[in-house]
């Protein structure tokens, strides 16, 4: 999912079109949220494996 959002952001920025700032902000916020969730899941997995 993060790869899709990263590609979408790159596409929109490279396309030269002017999308509303709110649109890009939504994508950036969602991407950040997914990255944080991924990190939390990886940490939880490490903790489970170490116990």
C-alpha atoms as a PDB file:
ATOM      1  CA  UNK A   1       0.000   0.000   0.000  1.00  0.00           C
ATOM      2  CA  UNK A   2       2.787   2.408   0.828  1.00  0.00           C
ATOM      3  CA  UNK A   3       4.424   1.741  -2.525  1.00  0.00           C
ATOM      4  CA  UNK A   4       1.186   2.622  -4.321  1.00  0.00           C
ATOM      5  CA  UNK A   5       0.831   5.907  -2.441  1.00  0.00           C
ATOM      6  CA  UNK A   6       4.483   6.789  -2.991  1.00  0.00           C
ATOM      7  CA  UNK A   7       4.085   6.148  -6.717  1.00  0.00           C
ATOM      8  CA  UNK A   8       0.879   8.201  -6.789  1.00  0.00           C
ATOM      9  CA  UNK A   9       2.580  11.149  -5.115  1.00  0.00           C
ATOM     10  CA  UNK A  10       5.505  10.960  -7.541  1.00  0.00           C
ATOM     11  CA  UNK A  11       3.126  10.726 -10.506  1.00  0.00           C
ATOM     12  CA  UNK A  12       1.064  13.719  -9.411  1.00  0.00           C
ATOM     13  CA  UNK A  13       4.144  15.825  -8.704  1.00  0.00           C
ATOM     14  CA  UNK A  14       5.820  14.851 -11.991  1.00  0.00           C
ATOM     15  CA  UNK A  15       2.709  15.271 -14.111  1.00  0.00           C
ATOM     16  CA  UNK A  16       2.967  19.045 -13.911  1.00  0.00           C
ATOM     17  CA  UNK A  17      -0.699  19.388 -13.171  1.00  0.00           C
ATOM     18  CA  UNK A  18      -1.791  21.512 -10.297  1.00  0.00           C
ATOM     19  CA  UNK A  19      -3.755  19.438  -7.868  1.00  0.00           C
ATOM     20  CA  UNK A  20      -5.232  21.025  -4.775  1.00  0.00           C
ATOM     21  CA  UNK A  21      -2.827  21.129  -1.845  1.00  0.00           C
ATOM     22  CA  UNK A  22      -5.429  19.359   0.242  1.00  0.00           C
ATOM     23  CA  UNK A  23      -5.297  16.381  -2.121  1.00  0.00           C
ATOM     24  CA  UNK A  24      -1.540  16.001  -1.720  1.00  0.00           C
ATOM     25  CA  UNK A  25      -1.830  16.543   2.034  1.00  0.00           C
ATOM     26  CA  UNK A  26      -4.330  13.686   2.303  1.00  0.00           C
ATOM     27  CA  UNK A  27      -1.979  11.347   0.447  1.00  0.00           C
ATOM     28  CA  UNK A  28       1.010  12.435   2.559  1.00  0.00           C
ATOM     29  CA  UNK A  29      -0.935  11.976   5.807  1.00  0.00           C
ATOM     30  CA  UNK A  30      -2.160   8.534   4.774  1.00  0.00           C
ATOM     31  CA  UNK A  31       1.323   7.490   3.729  1.00  0.00           C
ATOM     32  CA  UNK A  32       2.775   8.623   7.052  1.00  0.00           C
ATOM     33  CA  UNK A  33       0.060   6.769   8.939  1.00  0.00           C
ATOM     34  CA  UNK A  34       0.763   3.566   7.020  1.00  0.00           C
ATOM     35  CA  UNK A  35       4.495   3.860   7.661  1.00  0.00           C
ATOM     36  CA  UNK A  36       3.893   4.283  11.386  1.00  0.00           C
ATOM     37  CA  UNK A  37       1.512   1.322  11.451  1.00  0.00           C
ATOM     38  CA  UNK A  38       4.055  -0.803   9.604  1.00  0.00           C
ATOM     39  CA  UNK A  39       6.752   0.126  12.121  1.00  0.00           C
ATOM     40  CA  UNK A  40       4.439  -0.715  15.024  1.00  0.00           C
ATOM     41  CA  UNK A  41       3.604  -4.099  13.519  1.00  0.00           C
ATOM     42  CA  UNK A  42       7.258  -4.931  12.916  1.00  0.00           C
ATOM     43  CA  UNK A  43       8.116  -3.994  16.509  1.00  0.00           C
ATOM     44  CA  UNK A  44       5.245  -6.098  17.841  1.00  0.00           C
ATOM     45  CA  UNK A  45       6.411  -9.042  15.732  1.00  0.00           C
ATOM     46  CA  UNK A  46       9.957  -8.689  17.089  1.00  0.00           C
ATOM     47  CA  UNK A  47       8.629  -8.614  20.650  1.00  0.00           C
ATOM     48  CA  UNK A  48       6.541 -11.739  20.093  1.00  0.00           C
ATOM     49  CA  UNK A  49       9.443 -13.596  18.517  1.00  0.00           C
ATOM     50  CA  UNK A  50      11.820 -12.671  21.338  1.00  0.00           C
ATOM     51  CA  UNK A  51       9.445 -13.997  24.041  1.00  0.00           C
END
